[in-house]
Protein backbone atom coordinates (compact mmCIF):
# COMPACT_ATOMS: atom_id res chain seq x y z
CA MET A 1 -31.60 -118.38 23.82
CA SER A 2 -33.63 -117.53 20.70
CA PHE A 3 -36.72 -115.46 20.05
CA ARG A 4 -39.29 -117.70 18.33
CA ARG A 5 -42.59 -115.87 18.32
CA VAL A 6 -43.65 -112.26 18.79
CA LEU A 7 -47.12 -110.87 19.32
CA MET A 8 -48.21 -107.28 19.00
CA ALA A 9 -49.89 -106.74 22.38
CA LEU A 10 -53.02 -104.67 22.25
CA LEU A 11 -52.47 -101.94 24.79
CA PRO A 12 -53.86 -98.40 24.62
CA VAL A 13 -53.48 -96.99 21.13
CA ALA A 14 -50.40 -94.90 21.86
CA ALA A 15 -48.54 -97.71 23.63
CA ILE A 16 -48.24 -100.66 21.29
CA VAL A 17 -45.49 -103.05 22.39
CA THR A 18 -44.42 -106.54 21.41
CA VAL A 19 -44.44 -109.67 23.52
CA ALA A 20 -41.57 -112.00 22.72
CA VAL A 21 -41.46 -115.66 23.70
CA VAL A 22 -37.99 -116.64 24.88
CA THR A 23 -37.01 -120.27 25.22
CA GLY A 24 -33.86 -122.16 26.01
CA ALA A 25 -32.97 -125.81 25.95
CA GLY A 26 -35.30 -127.55 28.38
CA ALA A 27 -36.70 -124.26 29.61
CA ALA A 28 -40.36 -123.26 29.82
CA PRO A 29 -41.39 -120.29 27.66
CA THR A 30 -40.97 -116.90 29.29
CA TYR A 31 -43.02 -113.93 28.12
CA ILE A 32 -41.06 -110.69 27.94
CA VAL A 33 -42.45 -107.29 27.09
CA GLY A 34 -40.08 -105.43 24.80
CA GLN A 35 -38.98 -104.88 21.25
CA ALA A 36 -39.15 -107.50 18.50
CA ARG A 37 -35.78 -109.09 17.71
CA PRO A 38 -34.51 -109.77 14.16
CA GLY A 39 -36.12 -112.86 12.66
CA ALA A 40 -39.04 -112.85 15.11
CA VAL A 41 -42.48 -113.64 13.75
CA VAL A 42 -44.86 -110.76 14.35
CA SER A 43 -48.64 -110.82 14.32
CA LYS A 44 -50.04 -107.32 14.16
CA CYS A 45 -53.05 -105.32 13.09
CA GLY A 46 -52.48 -103.54 9.80
CA MET A 47 -49.30 -101.47 9.88
CA GLY A 48 -48.88 -101.93 13.62
CA THR A 49 -48.02 -98.27 14.22
CA GLY A 50 -50.23 -97.58 17.21
CA LYS A 51 -51.58 -94.50 15.45
CA LYS A 52 -55.15 -94.00 14.31
CA ALA A 53 -55.77 -94.04 10.57
CA THR A 54 -57.24 -90.76 9.38
CA GLY A 55 -57.41 -90.97 5.58
CA ALA A 56 -60.35 -91.61 3.29
CA PRO A 57 -62.23 -94.76 4.43
CA ILE A 58 -61.96 -98.00 2.47
CA LYS A 59 -65.43 -99.56 2.36
CA ILE A 60 -65.73 -103.28 3.14
CA ASP A 61 -69.12 -104.92 3.78
CA GLY A 62 -70.29 -108.27 5.13
CA LEU A 63 -73.53 -110.27 5.34
CA ASP A 64 -74.42 -112.80 8.04
CA MET A 65 -77.50 -114.91 8.67
CA LEU A 66 -79.45 -114.53 11.92
CA ILE A 67 -82.43 -116.85 12.47
CA PRO A 68 -83.96 -118.61 15.50
CA GLY A 69 -81.50 -121.34 16.49
CA VAL A 70 -78.53 -120.01 14.48
CA ASP A 71 -76.56 -116.78 14.93
CA PHE A 72 -73.71 -116.34 12.45
CA THR A 73 -73.23 -112.64 13.24
CA THR A 74 -70.41 -113.49 15.66
CA ILE A 75 -68.21 -114.04 12.60
CA GLY A 76 -68.88 -110.58 11.20
CA LYS A 77 -68.60 -108.97 14.64
CA VAL A 78 -65.12 -110.42 15.13
CA ALA A 79 -64.14 -109.27 11.64
CA ALA A 80 -65.37 -105.80 12.64
CA ALA A 81 -63.24 -105.96 15.82
CA TYR A 82 -60.19 -106.89 13.74
CA PHE A 83 -60.72 -103.94 11.42
CA LYS A 84 -61.05 -101.62 14.46
CA CYS A 85 -57.64 -102.84 15.54
CA VAL A 86 -56.31 -102.18 12.04
CA ASN A 87 -57.71 -98.65 12.16
CA ASP A 88 -56.03 -98.02 15.53
CA ASN A 89 -52.70 -99.15 14.09
CA GLY A 90 -52.24 -97.08 10.95
CA GLY A 91 -54.99 -98.66 8.87
CA ILE A 92 -54.15 -99.54 5.27
CA ASN A 93 -51.25 -97.18 4.61
CA GLY A 94 -53.00 -94.52 6.65
CA ARG A 95 -56.55 -95.19 5.48
CA PRO A 96 -59.13 -96.71 7.85
CA VAL A 97 -61.40 -99.58 6.90
CA LYS A 98 -65.10 -98.80 7.17
CA TYR A 99 -66.71 -102.18 7.77
CA THR A 100 -70.51 -102.50 7.58
CA LEU A 101 -72.17 -105.76 8.63
CA TYR A 102 -75.67 -106.61 7.41
CA THR A 103 -77.90 -109.46 8.59
CA GLU A 104 -80.37 -111.61 6.68
CA ALA A 105 -83.03 -114.06 7.82
CA LEU A 106 -82.66 -116.92 5.32
CA ASN A 107 -84.67 -114.97 2.75
CA PRO A 108 -83.35 -115.19 -0.85
CA ALA A 109 -84.97 -111.91 -1.90
CA GLN A 110 -83.37 -110.16 1.08
CA GLU A 111 -80.01 -111.79 0.36
CA ALA A 112 -80.09 -110.68 -3.27
CA ALA A 113 -81.12 -107.13 -2.37
CA LEU A 114 -78.35 -106.79 0.21
CA ALA A 115 -75.70 -108.06 -2.22
CA ARG A 116 -76.70 -105.33 -4.66
CA LYS A 117 -76.79 -102.74 -1.89
CA MET A 118 -73.25 -103.63 -0.80
CA ILE A 119 -71.83 -103.39 -4.32
CA GLN A 120 -73.97 -100.81 -6.08
CA SER A 121 -75.15 -98.49 -3.28
CA ASP A 122 -72.41 -98.77 -0.64
CA LYS A 123 -69.75 -99.22 -3.34
CA ALA A 124 -67.81 -101.55 -1.07
CA VAL A 125 -64.54 -102.58 -2.71
CA GLY A 126 -64.76 -105.98 -1.02
CA ILE A 127 -67.12 -108.31 0.81
CA VAL A 128 -65.77 -110.04 3.90
CA GLY A 129 -67.18 -112.22 6.69
CA ASN A 130 -70.28 -113.65 4.98
CA THR A 131 -71.89 -116.74 6.49
CA SER A 132 -75.34 -118.13 5.73
CA PHE A 133 -77.26 -121.30 5.01
CA ALA A 134 -78.26 -119.99 1.57
CA GLU A 135 -76.53 -116.74 0.58
CA CYS A 136 -73.80 -118.42 -1.48
CA GLY A 137 -76.42 -120.08 -3.66
CA THR A 138 -78.43 -116.89 -3.99
CA ASN A 139 -75.60 -114.52 -4.86
CA TRP A 140 -72.65 -116.37 -6.36
CA LYS A 141 -73.56 -115.59 -9.99
CA TYR A 142 -74.03 -111.90 -9.20
CA TYR A 143 -70.72 -111.69 -7.33
CA HIS A 144 -68.96 -113.45 -10.21
CA GLN A 145 -70.56 -111.12 -12.75
CA MET A 146 -69.39 -108.09 -10.74
CA GLY A 147 -65.86 -109.47 -10.29
CA TYR A 148 -66.04 -110.03 -6.52
CA VAL A 149 -64.50 -112.90 -4.54
CA VAL A 150 -65.93 -113.07 -1.02
CA ILE A 151 -63.66 -114.04 1.86
CA GLY A 152 -66.01 -115.63 4.37
CA ALA A 153 -67.03 -118.80 6.16
CA GLY A 154 -69.14 -121.16 4.09
CA VAL A 155 -72.00 -123.54 4.81
CA GLN A 156 -73.76 -124.64 1.61
CA ALA A 157 -72.53 -126.31 -1.58
CA GLU A 158 -72.12 -123.15 -3.67
CA CYS A 159 -69.63 -121.77 -1.13
CA TYR A 160 -67.23 -124.53 -2.20
CA SER A 161 -68.22 -125.22 -5.81
CA THR A 162 -68.19 -121.76 -7.43
CA PRO A 163 -65.41 -119.20 -8.04
CA SER A 164 -67.12 -116.47 -6.00
CA PHE A 165 -66.09 -117.56 -2.50
CA ALA A 166 -62.83 -118.24 -0.72
CA GLU A 167 -63.79 -119.56 2.69
CA THR A 168 -61.52 -119.74 5.72
CA ASN A 169 -63.44 -122.75 7.05
CA MET A 170 -64.13 -126.07 5.36
CA GLY A 171 -67.84 -125.96 6.17
CA PRO A 172 -70.15 -128.56 7.70
CA ARG A 173 -69.82 -131.09 4.87
CA TYR A 174 -66.10 -131.59 5.36
CA SER A 175 -66.14 -131.00 9.11
CA ASN A 176 -68.78 -133.75 9.45
CA LEU A 177 -66.66 -135.97 7.23
CA GLY A 178 -63.66 -135.35 9.48
CA ALA A 179 -65.75 -136.26 12.52
CA ALA A 180 -66.86 -139.45 10.77
CA GLN A 181 -63.24 -140.33 9.97
CA ALA A 182 -62.36 -139.92 13.64
CA LEU A 183 -65.34 -141.98 14.84
CA ILE A 184 -64.64 -144.77 12.36
CA GLY A 185 -61.02 -144.73 13.47
CA ALA A 186 -62.33 -145.18 17.02
CA GLY A 187 -64.19 -148.33 15.96
CA VAL A 188 -67.84 -147.39 15.46
CA LYS A 189 -69.90 -149.53 13.05
CA LYS A 190 -72.96 -147.26 12.83
CA ILE A 191 -73.25 -143.48 12.59
CA ALA A 192 -76.37 -141.36 13.05
CA ILE A 193 -75.86 -137.81 11.83
CA ALA A 194 -78.14 -134.81 12.39
CA SER A 195 -77.87 -131.43 10.65
CA PRO A 196 -80.35 -128.59 10.08
CA ASP A 197 -82.78 -129.68 7.36
CA THR A 198 -81.93 -126.62 5.23
CA ILE A 199 -78.35 -127.85 4.70
CA SER A 200 -78.58 -131.59 5.41
CA ALA A 201 -78.48 -132.80 1.80
CA TYR A 202 -75.07 -131.19 1.26
CA ALA A 203 -73.69 -131.28 4.80
CA ASP A 204 -74.40 -134.98 5.48
CA SER A 205 -74.00 -136.64 2.08
CA ALA A 206 -70.20 -136.95 2.32
CA VAL A 207 -70.56 -138.99 5.52
CA ALA A 208 -73.40 -141.02 3.98
CA THR A 209 -71.08 -141.94 1.09
CA TYR A 210 -67.86 -142.44 3.04
CA GLY A 211 -69.29 -144.59 5.84
CA PRO A 212 -70.41 -147.54 3.66
CA SER A 213 -67.02 -147.48 1.89
CA LYS A 214 -65.58 -148.40 5.29
CA GLY A 215 -68.29 -150.92 6.16
CA VAL A 216 -70.11 -148.47 8.45
CA GLN A 217 -73.88 -147.94 8.30
CA VAL A 218 -74.98 -144.31 8.20
CA LYS A 219 -78.41 -142.77 8.67
CA VAL A 220 -79.13 -139.07 8.19
CA PHE A 221 -81.60 -137.21 10.40
CA PRO A 222 -82.48 -133.79 8.88
CA THR A 223 -83.54 -131.59 11.79
CA HIS A 224 -85.86 -128.60 11.64
CA LEU A 225 -84.82 -125.47 13.52
CA PRO A 226 -85.48 -124.25 16.09
CA VAL A 227 -85.44 -127.57 17.93
CA THR A 228 -88.56 -127.95 20.08
CA ASP A 229 -88.22 -131.59 21.20
CA ALA A 230 -84.57 -132.40 21.82
CA ASN A 231 -85.39 -135.60 23.73
CA THR A 232 -87.15 -137.23 20.78
CA ILE A 233 -84.36 -136.30 18.37
CA VAL A 234 -81.69 -137.77 20.64
CA GLN A 235 -83.75 -140.93 21.18
CA GLN A 236 -84.03 -141.43 17.42
CA LEU A 237 -80.30 -140.93 16.92
CA TYR A 238 -79.48 -143.38 19.71
CA GLN A 239 -81.96 -146.00 18.51
CA PHE A 240 -80.11 -146.17 15.20
CA ALA A 241 -76.53 -145.87 16.46
CA GLY A 242 -76.98 -148.26 19.37
CA SER A 243 -74.56 -148.87 22.22
CA GLY A 244 -71.00 -148.40 20.95
CA GLY A 245 -72.17 -146.56 17.85
CA GLY A 246 -71.49 -142.97 16.82
CA ILE A 247 -73.69 -139.86 16.76
CA ILE A 248 -72.62 -136.71 14.89
CA LEU A 249 -74.28 -133.43 15.90
CA ASP A 250 -73.89 -130.66 13.30
CA PHE A 251 -75.24 -127.62 15.13
CA THR A 252 -74.11 -124.26 16.46
CA PRO A 253 -73.92 -123.39 20.18
CA ASP A 254 -77.44 -121.98 19.81
CA THR A 255 -78.90 -125.48 19.28
CA ALA A 256 -76.37 -128.15 20.32
CA PRO A 257 -76.74 -127.63 24.11
CA ALA A 258 -80.38 -128.75 24.11
CA LEU A 259 -79.44 -132.02 22.41
CA MET A 260 -76.44 -132.63 24.66
CA LYS A 261 -78.53 -131.94 27.77
CA ALA A 262 -81.11 -134.43 26.50
CA ALA A 263 -78.35 -137.05 26.17
CA GLU A 264 -77.31 -136.33 29.76
CA GLN A 265 -80.90 -136.67 30.99
CA GLN A 266 -81.34 -139.96 29.16
CA GLY A 267 -78.10 -141.33 30.60
CA ILE A 268 -76.63 -142.30 27.23
CA VAL A 269 -73.52 -140.09 27.10
CA ASN A 270 -71.25 -143.03 27.97
CA ASP A 271 -73.03 -145.46 25.63
CA VAL A 272 -72.01 -143.89 22.31
CA LYS A 273 -69.15 -141.95 20.77
CA TRP A 274 -70.17 -138.35 20.06
CA GLY A 275 -68.90 -136.62 16.96
CA SER A 276 -69.51 -133.02 16.01
CA SER A 277 -68.69 -130.38 13.47
CA THR A 278 -66.61 -127.39 14.56
CA PRO A 279 -68.96 -124.86 16.23
CA ILE A 280 -69.07 -126.44 19.70
CA ALA A 281 -65.26 -126.40 20.00
CA ASN A 282 -65.11 -123.61 22.56
CA THR A 283 -64.54 -123.26 26.28
CA LEU A 284 -68.02 -121.87 26.93
CA MET A 285 -69.52 -125.15 25.69
CA ALA A 286 -66.87 -127.21 27.44
CA SER A 287 -67.60 -125.51 30.76
CA GLN A 288 -71.28 -126.45 30.41
CA PHE A 289 -70.71 -130.11 29.54
CA SER A 290 -67.64 -131.12 31.55
CA PRO A 291 -67.07 -133.55 33.06
CA THR A 292 -70.04 -135.51 31.66
CA PHE A 293 -68.84 -135.45 28.05
CA ASP A 294 -65.12 -135.48 28.82
CA GLY A 295 -63.42 -138.23 26.80
CA HIS A 296 -66.59 -139.00 24.84
CA LEU A 297 -66.29 -136.36 22.10
CA TRP A 298 -64.70 -136.44 18.66
CA ILE A 299 -65.23 -132.81 17.59
CA ASN A 300 -63.82 -131.95 14.20
CA GLN A 301 -62.09 -128.59 14.71
CA GLU A 302 -61.41 -126.92 11.35
CA PHE A 303 -58.78 -124.68 12.92
CA SER A 304 -56.10 -124.88 15.60
CA ASN A 305 -57.14 -125.38 19.20
CA ILE A 306 -58.39 -122.16 20.80
CA ASP A 307 -55.44 -121.60 23.11
CA PRO A 308 -53.15 -118.56 23.19
CA SER A 309 -50.10 -120.83 23.43
CA VAL A 310 -50.76 -122.05 19.87
CA GLY A 311 -49.07 -119.04 18.28
CA PRO A 312 -49.03 -115.29 17.60
CA ASP A 313 -52.20 -115.10 15.48
CA THR A 314 -54.22 -116.92 18.10
CA ARG A 315 -52.85 -114.68 20.86
CA LEU A 316 -53.66 -111.63 18.75
CA MET A 317 -57.25 -112.87 18.40
CA PHE A 318 -57.55 -113.18 22.19
CA ALA A 319 -56.18 -109.64 22.60
CA ILE A 320 -58.53 -108.22 19.95
CA LEU A 321 -61.55 -109.85 21.56
CA LYS A 322 -60.55 -108.54 24.97
CA LYS A 323 -60.14 -104.96 23.74
CA TYR A 324 -62.72 -104.61 20.97
CA ALA A 325 -65.35 -107.35 21.53
CA PRO A 326 -65.26 -108.34 25.22
CA SER A 327 -68.72 -109.92 25.10
CA ILE A 328 -67.57 -112.55 22.58
CA ALA A 329 -65.85 -115.63 24.03
CA PRO A 330 -62.90 -117.11 22.10
CA GLN A 331 -64.44 -119.68 19.75
CA ALA A 332 -64.36 -121.17 16.26
CA PHE A 333 -66.63 -118.43 14.90
CA GLY A 334 -64.09 -115.97 16.28
CA GLN A 335 -61.29 -117.72 14.39
CA MET A 336 -63.35 -117.48 11.19
CA GLY A 337 -63.99 -113.76 11.65
CA PHE A 338 -60.35 -113.11 12.57
CA MET A 339 -59.00 -114.89 9.49
CA ASP A 340 -61.61 -113.37 7.17
CA ALA A 341 -60.50 -109.88 8.18
CA ASP A 342 -56.81 -110.75 8.44
CA PHE A 343 -56.65 -112.23 4.93
CA ALA A 344 -58.66 -109.32 3.52
CA THR A 345 -56.20 -106.93 5.19
CA LYS A 346 -53.27 -108.78 3.64
CA ALA A 347 -54.91 -108.37 0.23
CA LEU A 348 -55.45 -104.64 0.86
CA MET A 349 -51.87 -104.14 2.03
CA SER A 350 -50.53 -105.80 -1.12
CA ILE A 351 -52.14 -103.29 -3.49
CA THR A 352 -49.97 -100.68 -5.15
CA GLY A 353 -51.88 -97.74 -6.53
CA ALA A 354 -55.59 -97.06 -6.16
CA ILE A 355 -57.69 -99.37 -3.98
CA THR A 356 -60.77 -100.16 -6.04
CA ALA A 357 -63.14 -103.09 -6.30
CA LYS A 358 -61.08 -104.32 -9.25
CA SER A 359 -57.68 -103.99 -7.56
CA TYR A 360 -58.86 -105.41 -4.23
CA ASN A 361 -60.54 -108.49 -5.70
CA ALA A 362 -57.52 -109.12 -7.95
CA ALA A 363 -55.38 -108.99 -4.80
CA VAL A 364 -57.68 -111.53 -3.15
CA VAL A 365 -57.32 -113.93 -6.09
CA ALA A 366 -53.53 -113.49 -5.90
CA LEU A 367 -53.35 -114.63 -2.26
CA LYS A 368 -51.43 -117.86 -1.79
CA ASP A 369 -49.27 -119.58 0.82
CA VAL A 370 -50.80 -117.41 3.57
CA LYS A 371 -49.43 -118.81 6.80
CA THR A 372 -51.30 -118.69 10.11
CA ASP A 373 -51.10 -120.75 13.28
CA MET A 374 -54.90 -121.12 13.10
CA LEU A 375 -54.70 -123.56 10.18
CA CYS A 376 -52.84 -126.82 9.63
CA LYS A 377 -51.68 -125.67 6.18
CA PRO A 378 -51.21 -122.27 4.49
CA TRP A 379 -54.35 -120.70 3.02
CA TYR A 380 -54.81 -119.49 -0.55
CA VAL A 381 -57.31 -118.36 -3.17
CA GLY A 382 -56.02 -118.59 -6.74
CA ASN A 383 -57.84 -118.31 -10.04
CA LEU A 384 -59.77 -121.55 -9.63
CA PRO A 385 -63.30 -122.77 -10.49
CA TYR A 386 -63.90 -123.26 -6.74
CA HIS A 387 -61.94 -123.04 -3.51
CA ILE A 388 -61.51 -125.50 -0.62
CA PRO A 389 -58.21 -124.24 0.83
CA ASN A 390 -59.02 -125.48 4.33
CA ASN A 391 -58.97 -129.27 4.00
CA THR A 392 -56.72 -130.49 6.83
CA ASP A 393 -57.63 -130.18 10.50
CA ILE A 394 -57.69 -131.68 14.01
CA THR A 395 -59.99 -133.53 16.40
CA VAL A 396 -60.69 -132.12 19.87
CA ASP A 397 -62.46 -133.18 23.06
CA TYR A 398 -63.50 -131.62 26.38
CA LYS A 399 -61.45 -132.05 29.55
CA SER A 400 -62.10 -130.29 32.85
CA GLY A 401 -63.96 -127.45 31.17
CA GLN A 402 -61.35 -126.94 28.46
CA VAL A 403 -61.04 -127.94 24.81
CA VAL A 404 -58.09 -130.30 24.27
CA VAL A 405 -56.52 -131.82 21.15
CA LYS A 406 -57.42 -135.47 20.67
CA GLN A 407 -55.92 -135.97 17.20
CA PRO A 408 -53.34 -133.72 15.49
CA CYS A 409 -53.59 -132.42 11.92
CA PHE A 410 -54.96 -134.96 9.42
CA GLU A 411 -56.30 -134.69 5.88
CA ILE A 412 -60.01 -134.76 5.20
CA THR A 413 -60.33 -137.80 2.99
CA GLY A 414 -60.80 -137.46 -0.73
CA ALA A 415 -61.43 -141.19 -1.14
CA THR A 416 -65.11 -140.64 -1.90
CA ASP A 417 -65.07 -136.87 -2.58
CA ALA A 418 -63.91 -135.71 -6.03
CA PRO A 419 -63.71 -131.95 -5.16
CA ILE A 420 -61.20 -132.65 -2.39
CA ARG A 421 -59.11 -134.81 -4.71
CA GLN A 422 -59.14 -132.10 -7.39
CA THR A 423 -58.27 -129.44 -4.81
CA ARG A 424 -55.10 -131.27 -3.85
CA VAL A 425 -54.13 -131.59 -7.51
CA TRP A 426 -54.43 -127.80 -7.90
CA GLU A 427 -52.47 -127.18 -4.71
CA LYS A 428 -49.48 -129.06 -6.09
CA LYS A 429 -49.80 -127.88 -9.69
CA TYR A 430 -49.99 -124.16 -8.84
CA HIS A 431 -47.89 -124.24 -5.63
CA LEU A 432 -50.71 -122.64 -3.68
CA ASN A 433 -49.76 -123.59 -0.14
CA GLY A 434 -46.06 -124.13 0.06
């Protein structure tokens, strides 16, 4: 028998143990509580000591958008939970992380003011967990001028076309494109795609370009939030896609349910193939829309399936949520927040000498070949003009109230997208992910 995976189980602070997965030929995995064996892979918070960090705090800040119809604060809240776990397990060489999360309401003046507060007033050495429809565009030049590289989860174009952001997700543009690839592979000849009107031009244009290259008609439906007439929106989407066509919904769990319920009420769930970007890939959504949508969804999931059996990082996320954020269900936003904080912690742990804004952000840029079971390929940053390290993912569906894998890891196509093609050139040239 061999030990293949080990997870640091989150028990009371003074009683950290490991959970080893033992397998034999033809045997089902057995979970044993005990000590890690040599060669075992360990996922742990910070130093994993089980002792509270008591040194001088290391200041890390984050900024998430919160507007009617969209709540991105889950990402920052999960990052905060991760840092609490770090602080309960020795911190960063004995020093705790003081994480402060701010919210903004899609207001450029507010976004700019908060960026300056985080860097100039709070004197945060790093910025982690940012997600917004517009903050990347508002603040990227300022971050670049100040020497900061934000580890976050992107939405708009500047999150993936400037040097100031290294996102753990691929964002709606590429997640929509992955959904379109899956739908076209399933045989659709028309695709109707709906995204929030504030991001539609960027989020939907990749699908609008790729579809015709495959002989598929595409029509974009920019949608104003909050949605007040879901029935009319769904009718318009269906009128274009037609029976046997595809509809891509690019919305968070704050908005998507109204549209999916409208499809149920209109009796058209079985008539079309339903694509989606990542946010609805969670068991809370699946429990609401099974069995009606079972087998009818092609959800592009930018990360691994949300299942503790996937690997030690995923199990650690479940344990962190249970202990530090019990009101947050395991979900894609949770994976984003987990990885944002985990990768920032890896950067912090790599620093020798003083932890300053300069040393931390240099450590972020130096990150490469960062392996996690949440991604199809290792993650990286690098000294690049822009970063799209997450560019390979999976397709999932609902089944009996659960999220299940429909298509294993595949590359988001670069056939009609130059930034993806260039990204893969850099990956090979600089050996960024293996």
